Amino acid sequence: MEDRAKRLKQLQSDYCLEVNFKKGTESPSRVFRTMSELIDTFQELDRHLVNSIDIRIEPVLLLEDIESGSIKTWIATQLKLIPDDAIYLFDWKRLVGYYLLKGNIGLSIFWREQLL
């Protein structure tokens, strides 16, 4: 049952940010600052990517969940816009969301490669 709930949560969230840490180390606030900085970075990335499409679209990150152990934060992106009538003809939020997700995945792959 717990595995099914975890898979369902993953489907609802766009991505997960994870900060690993060693228990018993000094300066525990650095772990939370790191998570905060990661979230801010992804928010700024979304803002830059969306502005390349339409400056009236505003991406909003939603906190879906936080897991204990290593800090795992599940994030979803929501788009806000008062769209023109022409935009109602297609599912623009889905397309822009896909675009943002690809940008976030690309950035996380780049960071992972730099750290290895």
C-alpha atoms as a PDB file:
ATOM      1  CA  MET A   1       0.000   0.000   0.000  1.00  0.00           C
ATOM      2  CA  GLU A   2       2.823   2.421   0.880  1.00  0.00           C
ATOM      3  CA  ASP A   3       4.584   1.780  -2.483  1.00  0.00           C
ATOM      4  CA  ARG A   4       1.364   2.514  -4.359  1.00  0.00           C
ATOM      5  CA  ALA A   5       0.887   5.779  -2.446  1.00  0.00           C
ATOM      6  CA  LYS A   6       4.502   6.770  -3.206  1.00  0.00           C
ATOM      7  CA  ARG A   7       4.042   6.062  -6.935  1.00  0.00           C
ATOM      8  CA  LEU A   8       0.820   8.078  -6.965  1.00  0.00           C
ATOM      9  CA  LYS A   9       2.603  11.013  -5.288  1.00  0.00           C
ATOM     10  CA  GLN A  10       5.376  10.831  -7.895  1.00  0.00           C
ATOM     11  CA  LEU A  11       2.816  10.976 -10.706  1.00  0.00           C
ATOM     12  CA  GLN A  12       1.220  14.121  -9.258  1.00  0.00           C
ATOM     13  CA  SER A  13       4.525  15.925  -8.689  1.00  0.00           C
ATOM     14  CA  ASP A  14       6.671  17.208 -11.522  1.00  0.00           C
ATOM     15  CA  TYR A  15       9.976  16.385  -9.858  1.00  0.00           C
ATOM     16  CA  CYS A  16      11.750  15.694  -6.585  1.00  0.00           C
ATOM     17  CA  LEU A  17      14.666  17.651  -5.163  1.00  0.00           C
ATOM     18  CA  GLU A  18      16.869  15.609  -2.833  1.00  0.00           C
ATOM     19  CA  VAL A  19      19.611  16.823  -0.498  1.00  0.00           C
ATOM     20  CA  ASN A  20      21.672  14.061   1.114  1.00  0.00           C
ATOM     21  CA  PHE A  21      23.430  14.713   4.389  1.00  0.00           C
ATOM     22  CA  LYS A  22      25.362  12.856   7.065  1.00  0.00           C
ATOM     23  CA  LYS A  23      23.644  12.584  10.415  1.00  0.00           C
ATOM     24  CA  GLY A  24      25.542  14.173  13.269  1.00  0.00           C
ATOM     25  CA  THR A  25      27.343  16.788  11.159  1.00  0.00           C
ATOM     26  CA  GLU A  26      27.667  20.404  12.209  1.00  0.00           C
ATOM     27  CA  SER A  27      25.700  23.347  10.805  1.00  0.00           C
ATOM     28  CA  PRO A  28      22.414  21.529  10.138  1.00  0.00           C
ATOM     29  CA  SER A  29      20.848  24.735   8.801  1.00  0.00           C
ATOM     30  CA  ARG A  30      23.065  24.445   5.686  1.00  0.00           C
ATOM     31  CA  VAL A  31      20.960  21.467   4.564  1.00  0.00           C
ATOM     32  CA  PHE A  32      17.813  23.575   4.667  1.00  0.00           C
ATOM     33  CA  ARG A  33      19.544  26.552   3.023  1.00  0.00           C
ATOM     34  CA  THR A  34      20.682  24.227   0.240  1.00  0.00           C
ATOM     35  CA  MET A  35      17.124  22.987  -0.305  1.00  0.00           C
ATOM     36  CA  SER A  36      15.855  26.567  -0.262  1.00  0.00           C
ATOM     37  CA  GLU A  37      18.452  27.626  -2.817  1.00  0.00           C
ATOM     38  CA  LEU A  38      17.590  24.648  -5.057  1.00  0.00           C
ATOM     39  CA  ILE A  39      13.893  25.530  -4.969  1.00  0.00           C
ATOM     40  CA  ASP A  40      14.668  29.192  -5.731  1.00  0.00           C
ATOM     41  CA  THR A  41      16.896  28.132  -8.642  1.00  0.00           C
ATOM     42  CA  PHE A  42      14.203  25.943 -10.196  1.00  0.00           C
ATOM     43  CA  GLN A  43      11.626  28.739  -9.698  1.00  0.00           C
ATOM     44  CA  GLU A  44      13.933  31.185 -11.491  1.00  0.00           C
ATOM     45  CA  LEU A  45      14.593  28.668 -14.284  1.00  0.00           C
ATOM     46  CA  ASP A  46      10.841  28.212 -14.782  1.00  0.00           C
ATOM     47  CA  ARG A  47      10.396  31.993 -14.900  1.00  0.00           C
ATOM     48  CA  HIS A  48      13.106  32.383 -17.583  1.00  0.00           C
ATOM     49  CA  LEU A  49      11.790  29.500 -19.674  1.00  0.00           C
ATOM     50  CA  VAL A  50       8.192  30.727 -19.525  1.00  0.00           C
ATOM     51  CA  ASN A  51       9.207  34.288 -20.411  1.00  0.00           C
ATOM     52  CA  SER A  52      10.577  32.927 -23.691  1.00  0.00           C
ATOM     53  CA  ILE A  53       6.981  31.920 -24.509  1.00  0.00           C
ATOM     54  CA  ASP A  54       4.859  34.707 -22.996  1.00  0.00           C
ATOM     55  CA  ILE A  55       5.748  37.207 -20.263  1.00  0.00           C
ATOM     56  CA  ARG A  56       2.175  37.081 -18.928  1.00  0.00           C
ATOM     57  CA  ILE A  57       2.524  33.458 -17.799  1.00  0.00           C
ATOM     58  CA  GLU A  58       3.638  33.068 -14.196  1.00  0.00           C
ATOM     59  CA  PRO A  59       4.989  29.700 -13.029  1.00  0.00           C
ATOM     60  CA  VAL A  60       4.196  28.878  -9.403  1.00  0.00           C
ATOM     61  CA  LEU A  61       5.913  26.026  -7.571  1.00  0.00           C
ATOM     62  CA  LEU A  62       3.677  24.032  -5.245  1.00  0.00           C
ATOM     63  CA  LEU A  63       5.047  22.081  -2.296  1.00  0.00           C
ATOM     64  CA  GLU A  64       3.603  18.592  -2.710  1.00  0.00           C
ATOM     65  CA  ASP A  65       5.390  16.771   0.123  1.00  0.00           C
ATOM     66  CA  ILE A  66       8.544  16.577   2.222  1.00  0.00           C
ATOM     67  CA  GLU A  67      10.076  13.226   3.172  1.00  0.00           C
ATOM     68  CA  SER A  68      12.338  12.549   6.108  1.00  0.00           C
ATOM     69  CA  GLY A  69      15.744  10.861   5.937  1.00  0.00           C
ATOM     70  CA  SER A  70      17.633  12.677   3.250  1.00  0.00           C
ATOM     71  CA  ILE A  71      15.519  15.722   2.542  1.00  0.00           C
ATOM     72  CA  LYS A  72      13.270  15.011  -0.419  1.00  0.00           C
ATOM     73  CA  THR A  73      10.915  17.744  -1.536  1.00  0.00           C
ATOM     74  CA  TRP A  74       8.278  16.909  -4.138  1.00  0.00           C
ATOM     75  CA  ILE A  75       7.486  19.918  -6.334  1.00  0.00           C
ATOM     76  CA  ALA A  76       4.748  20.606  -8.860  1.00  0.00           C
ATOM     77  CA  THR A  77       4.588  23.603 -11.182  1.00  0.00           C
ATOM     78  CA  GLN A  78       1.345  25.447 -11.741  1.00  0.00           C
ATOM     79  CA  LEU A  79       0.941  28.123 -14.409  1.00  0.00           C
ATOM     80  CA  LYS A  80      -1.119  31.261 -13.970  1.00  0.00           C
ATOM     81  CA  LEU A  81      -2.227  33.512 -16.814  1.00  0.00           C
ATOM     82  CA  ILE A  82      -5.236  35.445 -17.936  1.00  0.00           C
ATOM     83  CA  PRO A  83      -5.045  34.076 -21.482  1.00  0.00           C
ATOM     84  CA  ASP A  84      -6.203  35.582 -24.762  1.00  0.00           C
ATOM     85  CA  ASP A  85      -9.210  33.917 -26.383  1.00  0.00           C
ATOM     86  CA  ALA A  86      -6.955  32.201 -28.938  1.00  0.00           C
ATOM     87  CA  ILE A  87      -5.089  30.395 -26.178  1.00  0.00           C
ATOM     88  CA  TYR A  88      -8.300  28.648 -25.080  1.00  0.00           C
ATOM     89  CA  LEU A  89      -8.241  26.621 -28.313  1.00  0.00           C
ATOM     90  CA  PHE A  90      -5.466  24.320 -27.105  1.00  0.00           C
ATOM     91  CA  ASP A  91      -4.083  22.970 -23.840  1.00  0.00           C
ATOM     92  CA  TRP A  92      -1.310  25.550 -23.477  1.00  0.00           C
ATOM     93  CA  LYS A  93      -0.689  24.774 -19.804  1.00  0.00           C
ATOM     94  CA  ARG A  94       0.174  21.174 -20.600  1.00  0.00           C
ATOM     95  CA  LEU A  95       2.591  22.187 -23.363  1.00  0.00           C
ATOM     96  CA  VAL A  96       4.303  24.843 -21.256  1.00  0.00           C
ATOM     97  CA  GLY A  97       4.451  22.463 -18.276  1.00  0.00           C
ATOM     98  CA  TYR A  98       6.182  19.868 -20.462  1.00  0.00           C
ATOM     99  CA  TYR A  99       8.640  22.535 -21.644  1.00  0.00           C
ATOM    100  CA  LEU A 100       9.434  23.548 -18.042  1.00  0.00           C
ATOM    101  CA  LEU A 101       9.829  19.937 -16.947  1.00  0.00           C
ATOM    102  CA  LYS A 102      12.322  19.282 -19.766  1.00  0.00           C
ATOM    103  CA  GLY A 103      14.279  22.401 -18.737  1.00  0.00           C
ATOM    104  CA  ASN A 104      14.361  21.301 -15.094  1.00  0.00           C
ATOM    105  CA  ILE A 105      15.454  17.782 -16.021  1.00  0.00           C
ATOM    106  CA  GLY A 106      18.195  19.172 -18.256  1.00  0.00           C
ATOM    107  CA  LEU A 107      19.493  21.377 -15.457  1.00  0.00           C
ATOM    108  CA  SER A 108      19.469  18.547 -12.918  1.00  0.00           C
ATOM    109  CA  ILE A 109      21.359  16.241 -15.314  1.00  0.00           C
ATOM    110  CA  PHE A 110      23.938  18.985 -15.880  1.00  0.00           C
ATOM    111  CA  TRP A 111      24.401  19.468 -12.105  1.00  0.00           C
ATOM    112  CA  ARG A 112      24.690  15.726 -11.511  1.00  0.00           C
ATOM    113  CA  GLU A 113      27.382  15.418 -14.192  1.00  0.00           C
ATOM    114  CA  GLN A 114      29.305  18.346 -12.685  1.00  0.00           C
ATOM    115  CA  LEU A 115      29.258  16.723  -9.246  1.00  0.00           C
ATOM    116  CA  LEU A 116      30.463  13.307 -10.434  1.00  0.00           C
END
